[in-house]
Amino acid sequence: MNDIRKLALDKILVAPSILAADFARLGEEINRVADAGCDLLHLDVMDGHFVPNLTIGPPLISSIRKISSLVFDTHLMISDPLKYAEIFIKAGADHITFHLESDNDPGAVIDAVRAAGATVGISLKPKTPAEKLFPWLDKIDLVLIMTVEPGFGGQSFMADMMPKVKAVHEQICRIGRPVHLEVDGGIDGRNVAEAAAAGANMMVAGTSVFRNPAGAASAIAELHAAAKYLPCN
């Protein structure tokens, strides 16, 4: 199993979201972004209840696991992550991020993910304050701040989420733990510097990578170049 904790904290890591890929050629699409230099692959799982959309399940993850050695960064936008986390891990997910706003006790989900052998993160919807996350920061490996309302790809970046990103980054620095700070929603070459300056080192990018007119390699290189804006640099 891949370990997200082995990925650098002082660089920009690019996680293309397969939600924007051509599913008729999904294996080719995944290999294309891997060859273009992405660092991990973001898998958006939606249940049609927690968010108003249905996407992928364990069988698809199991299928693409056979053709990719990338870290599978699996984002569970579902109401009951406690019930399903282990199923996704057995299917090939290396990392599970669940929502603080889900129906389950966060501590129970964290314990279940760890017991199943994966790393764990917590995500916040735009309306959830950063401070709600702070009690769990010393128990997780990643924080995901949504920069759109979760549910659909191709939405516009919410710049007003940057103070939340900064607040989480500052708290991570205070506790002194190696926690990745990821942002997801509308990330592209126009706003990546702003996200990096706020402290995010991991960028989920779907449309701006898979559908970039200049190609995936150019898009990923542009995102990687924002490392110079990270607060630690």
Protein backbone atom coordinates (compact mmCIF):
# COMPACT_ATOMS: atom_id res chain seq x y z
CA MET A 1 0.00 0.00 0.00
CA ASN A 2 1.24 3.50 -0.85
CA ASP A 3 1.78 5.88 2.05
CA ILE A 4 0.75 9.52 1.64
CA ARG A 5 2.99 10.40 4.60
CA LYS A 6 6.04 9.74 2.41
CA LEU A 7 5.09 12.57 0.05
CA ALA A 8 6.92 15.87 0.53
CA LEU A 9 5.32 18.57 2.65
CA ASP A 10 7.52 21.37 1.28
CA LYS A 11 6.51 20.99 -2.36
CA ILE A 12 3.27 21.41 -4.29
CA LEU A 13 1.70 18.01 -4.89
CA VAL A 14 -0.79 17.68 -7.71
CA ALA A 15 -3.72 15.27 -7.39
CA PRO A 16 -5.76 15.16 -10.62
CA SER A 17 -9.40 14.33 -9.93
CA ILE A 18 -10.64 11.56 -12.21
CA LEU A 19 -14.10 13.13 -12.05
CA ALA A 20 -12.94 15.28 -14.98
CA ALA A 21 -11.43 12.39 -16.95
CA ASP A 22 -12.95 10.71 -19.99
CA PHE A 23 -14.42 7.58 -18.39
CA ALA A 24 -14.63 5.84 -21.76
CA ARG A 25 -10.80 5.85 -21.74
CA LEU A 26 -10.17 5.96 -18.00
CA GLY A 27 -7.08 3.75 -17.95
CA GLU A 28 -5.47 5.85 -20.70
CA GLU A 29 -6.44 9.05 -18.89
CA ILE A 30 -4.86 7.91 -15.63
CA ASN A 31 -1.65 6.88 -17.38
CA ARG A 32 -1.64 10.22 -19.21
CA VAL A 33 -1.61 12.30 -16.01
CA ALA A 34 0.88 9.91 -14.40
CA ASP A 35 3.24 10.36 -17.35
CA ALA A 36 2.64 14.11 -17.13
CA GLY A 37 4.10 14.18 -13.62
CA CYS A 38 1.20 14.14 -11.16
CA ASP A 39 1.97 13.07 -7.60
CA LEU A 40 -1.16 11.16 -6.65
CA LEU A 41 -4.67 10.49 -7.97
CA HIS A 42 -7.81 11.96 -6.42
CA LEU A 43 -10.90 9.75 -6.35
CA ASP A 44 -14.19 11.53 -5.60
CA VAL A 45 -16.76 9.18 -4.05
CA MET A 46 -20.28 10.61 -3.74
CA ASP A 47 -23.37 8.80 -2.48
CA GLY A 48 -26.21 10.98 -3.77
CA HIS A 49 -27.20 11.68 -0.16
CA PHE A 50 -24.38 13.56 1.56
CA VAL A 51 -23.92 15.48 -1.70
CA PRO A 52 -26.34 15.71 -4.65
CA ASN A 53 -24.41 13.47 -7.04
CA LEU A 54 -23.44 9.83 -7.55
CA THR A 55 -19.98 8.93 -8.78
CA ILE A 56 -17.74 5.91 -8.30
CA GLY A 57 -17.64 2.87 -6.03
CA PRO A 58 -15.23 0.15 -4.91
CA PRO A 59 -15.41 -1.90 -8.17
CA LEU A 60 -14.03 0.99 -10.21
CA ILE A 61 -11.24 1.58 -7.72
CA SER A 62 -10.38 -2.10 -7.82
CA SER A 63 -10.23 -1.97 -11.62
CA ILE A 64 -7.95 1.04 -11.87
CA ARG A 65 -5.72 -0.24 -9.06
CA LYS A 66 -4.60 -2.91 -11.52
CA ILE A 67 -3.17 -0.33 -13.92
CA SER A 68 -1.81 2.37 -11.61
CA SER A 69 0.81 2.53 -8.88
CA LEU A 70 -0.11 6.11 -7.91
CA VAL A 71 -1.27 6.95 -4.40
CA PHE A 72 -5.09 6.71 -4.45
CA ASP A 73 -6.28 9.75 -2.49
CA THR A 74 -9.90 8.73 -1.87
CA HIS A 75 -12.35 11.43 -0.82
CA LEU A 76 -15.53 9.97 0.71
CA MET A 77 -18.32 12.50 0.30
CA ILE A 78 -20.75 10.08 1.91
CA SER A 79 -23.00 10.06 4.97
CA ASP A 80 -21.65 6.85 6.51
CA PRO A 81 -17.87 6.61 6.04
CA LEU A 82 -17.57 4.27 9.03
CA LYS A 83 -19.54 1.60 7.16
CA TYR A 84 -17.73 1.91 3.85
CA ALA A 85 -14.13 3.01 4.54
CA GLU A 86 -12.73 -0.51 4.90
CA ILE A 87 -14.50 -1.62 1.71
CA PHE A 88 -12.79 1.13 -0.25
CA ILE A 89 -9.42 0.32 1.31
CA LYS A 90 -9.77 -3.35 0.37
CA ALA A 91 -10.60 -2.22 -3.17
CA GLY A 92 -7.29 -0.36 -3.42
CA ALA A 93 -7.62 3.03 -1.73
CA ASP A 94 -4.36 4.06 -0.05
CA HIS A 95 -5.77 7.05 1.78
CA ILE A 96 -9.27 7.89 3.02
CA THR A 97 -10.52 11.43 3.60
CA PHE A 98 -13.97 11.69 5.16
CA HIS A 99 -16.11 14.68 6.04
CA LEU A 100 -16.34 16.10 9.53
CA GLU A 101 -19.99 16.80 8.68
CA SER A 102 -20.79 13.11 8.07
CA ASP A 103 -23.12 11.13 10.34
CA ASN A 104 -20.35 9.26 12.15
CA ASP A 105 -18.14 10.01 15.14
CA PRO A 106 -14.82 11.25 13.69
CA GLY A 107 -12.76 9.30 16.20
CA ALA A 108 -14.47 6.05 15.25
CA VAL A 109 -13.85 6.66 11.55
CA ILE A 110 -10.19 7.53 12.15
CA ASP A 111 -9.72 4.34 14.16
CA ALA A 112 -11.44 2.21 11.51
CA VAL A 113 -9.33 3.61 8.68
CA ARG A 114 -6.10 3.10 10.64
CA ALA A 115 -7.13 -0.46 11.56
CA ALA A 116 -7.71 -1.21 7.88
CA GLY A 117 -4.17 -0.09 7.07
CA ALA A 118 -4.72 3.27 5.35
CA THR A 119 -3.85 6.86 6.18
CA VAL A 120 -6.68 9.20 7.08
CA GLY A 121 -7.77 12.78 6.53
CA ILE A 122 -10.72 15.02 7.33
CA SER A 123 -12.47 17.38 4.94
CA LEU A 124 -14.52 20.49 5.65
CA LYS A 125 -17.34 21.91 3.56
CA PRO A 126 -17.16 25.67 2.90
CA LYS A 127 -19.58 26.62 5.70
CA THR A 128 -17.81 24.60 8.42
CA PRO A 129 -15.38 26.72 10.50
CA ALA A 130 -11.73 25.69 10.63
CA GLU A 131 -11.85 25.47 14.42
CA LYS A 132 -14.21 22.47 14.28
CA LEU A 133 -11.29 20.47 12.92
CA PHE A 134 -8.64 21.46 15.44
CA PRO A 135 -9.40 18.75 18.06
CA TRP A 136 -8.61 16.08 15.46
CA LEU A 137 -5.44 17.51 13.91
CA ASP A 138 -3.09 15.43 16.02
CA LYS A 139 -4.79 12.23 14.87
CA ILE A 140 -4.83 12.63 11.08
CA ASP A 141 -2.44 12.83 8.12
CA LEU A 142 -4.29 15.27 5.86
CA VAL A 143 -6.78 18.11 5.93
CA LEU A 144 -8.91 18.82 2.86
CA ILE A 145 -10.52 22.24 2.59
CA MET A 146 -13.25 22.39 -0.03
CA THR A 147 -12.95 25.50 -2.20
CA VAL A 148 -16.31 24.75 -3.81
CA GLU A 149 -19.52 23.22 -2.49
CA PRO A 150 -18.93 19.48 -2.89
CA GLY A 151 -20.98 17.55 -5.40
CA PHE A 152 -19.96 18.48 -8.93
CA GLY A 153 -16.74 19.16 -10.83
CA GLY A 154 -16.03 22.25 -12.88
CA GLN A 155 -17.16 24.79 -10.27
CA SER A 156 -15.50 28.15 -9.64
CA PHE A 157 -12.83 28.55 -6.95
CA MET A 158 -14.04 30.23 -3.74
CA ALA A 159 -11.29 32.66 -2.78
CA ASP A 160 -13.03 33.40 0.51
CA MET A 161 -11.91 29.95 1.73
CA MET A 162 -8.28 31.09 1.88
CA PRO A 163 -8.51 32.48 5.43
CA LYS A 164 -9.73 29.04 6.50
CA VAL A 165 -6.79 27.40 4.76
CA LYS A 166 -4.43 29.82 6.48
CA ALA A 167 -6.00 29.16 9.87
CA VAL A 168 -5.59 25.41 9.47
CA HIS A 169 -2.00 25.82 8.26
CA GLU A 170 -1.14 27.95 11.28
CA GLN A 171 -2.67 25.39 13.63
CA ILE A 172 -0.73 22.57 11.94
CA CYS A 173 2.45 24.60 12.52
CA ARG A 174 1.52 25.11 16.17
CA ILE A 175 1.10 21.41 16.89
CA GLY A 176 4.21 20.52 14.89
CA ARG A 177 2.84 17.44 13.12
CA PRO A 178 3.44 16.47 9.46
CA VAL A 179 -0.07 17.01 8.08
CA HIS A 180 -0.76 17.61 4.41
CA LEU A 181 -3.07 20.52 3.65
CA GLU A 182 -5.12 19.93 0.51
CA VAL A 183 -7.56 22.15 -1.38
CA ASP A 184 -10.18 20.97 -3.83
CA GLY A 185 -12.39 22.97 -6.15
CA GLY A 186 -11.65 25.16 -9.14
CA ILE A 187 -7.86 25.00 -8.68
CA ASP A 188 -5.89 26.14 -11.74
CA GLY A 189 -2.95 28.30 -12.78
CA ARG A 190 -4.84 31.50 -11.96
CA ASN A 191 -5.39 30.79 -8.27
CA VAL A 192 -2.83 28.16 -7.25
CA ALA A 193 -0.43 30.83 -5.95
CA GLU A 194 -3.13 32.14 -3.63
CA ALA A 195 -3.83 28.66 -2.28
CA ALA A 196 -0.13 27.92 -1.81
CA ALA A 197 0.47 31.24 -0.04
CA ALA A 198 -2.30 30.33 2.41
CA GLY A 199 -0.44 27.13 3.23
CA ALA A 200 -1.92 24.43 0.99
CA ASN A 201 0.72 22.03 -0.34
CA MET A 202 -1.62 19.61 -2.13
CA MET A 203 -3.82 20.69 -5.05
CA VAL A 204 -6.75 18.70 -6.36
CA ALA A 205 -7.27 19.72 -9.97
CA GLY A 206 -9.71 18.08 -12.34
CA THR A 207 -10.83 20.15 -15.29
CA SER A 208 -7.66 22.28 -15.29
CA VAL A 209 -5.51 19.15 -15.76
CA PHE A 210 -7.54 16.62 -17.72
CA ARG A 211 -9.10 19.18 -20.05
CA ASN A 212 -6.31 21.74 -20.30
CA PRO A 213 -5.85 22.88 -23.93
CA ALA A 214 -2.08 23.03 -23.40
CA GLY A 215 -2.01 19.46 -22.13
CA ALA A 216 -1.74 17.76 -18.76
CA ALA A 217 2.04 18.11 -18.46
CA SER A 218 1.86 21.88 -18.90
CA ALA A 219 -1.00 22.16 -16.40
CA ILE A 220 0.77 20.07 -13.77
CA ALA A 221 4.06 21.93 -14.23
CA GLU A 222 2.26 25.23 -13.71
CA LEU A 223 0.75 23.98 -10.45
CA HIS A 224 4.08 22.54 -9.25
CA ALA A 225 5.75 25.91 -9.89
CA ALA A 226 3.60 27.53 -7.18
CA ALA A 227 5.82 25.88 -4.53
CA LYS A 228 7.71 29.17 -4.34
CA TYR A 229 4.63 30.71 -2.68
CA LEU A 230 4.45 28.20 0.17
CA PRO A 231 4.95 29.91 3.55
CA CYS A 232 7.88 27.62 4.40
CA ASN A 233 9.85 28.72 1.28
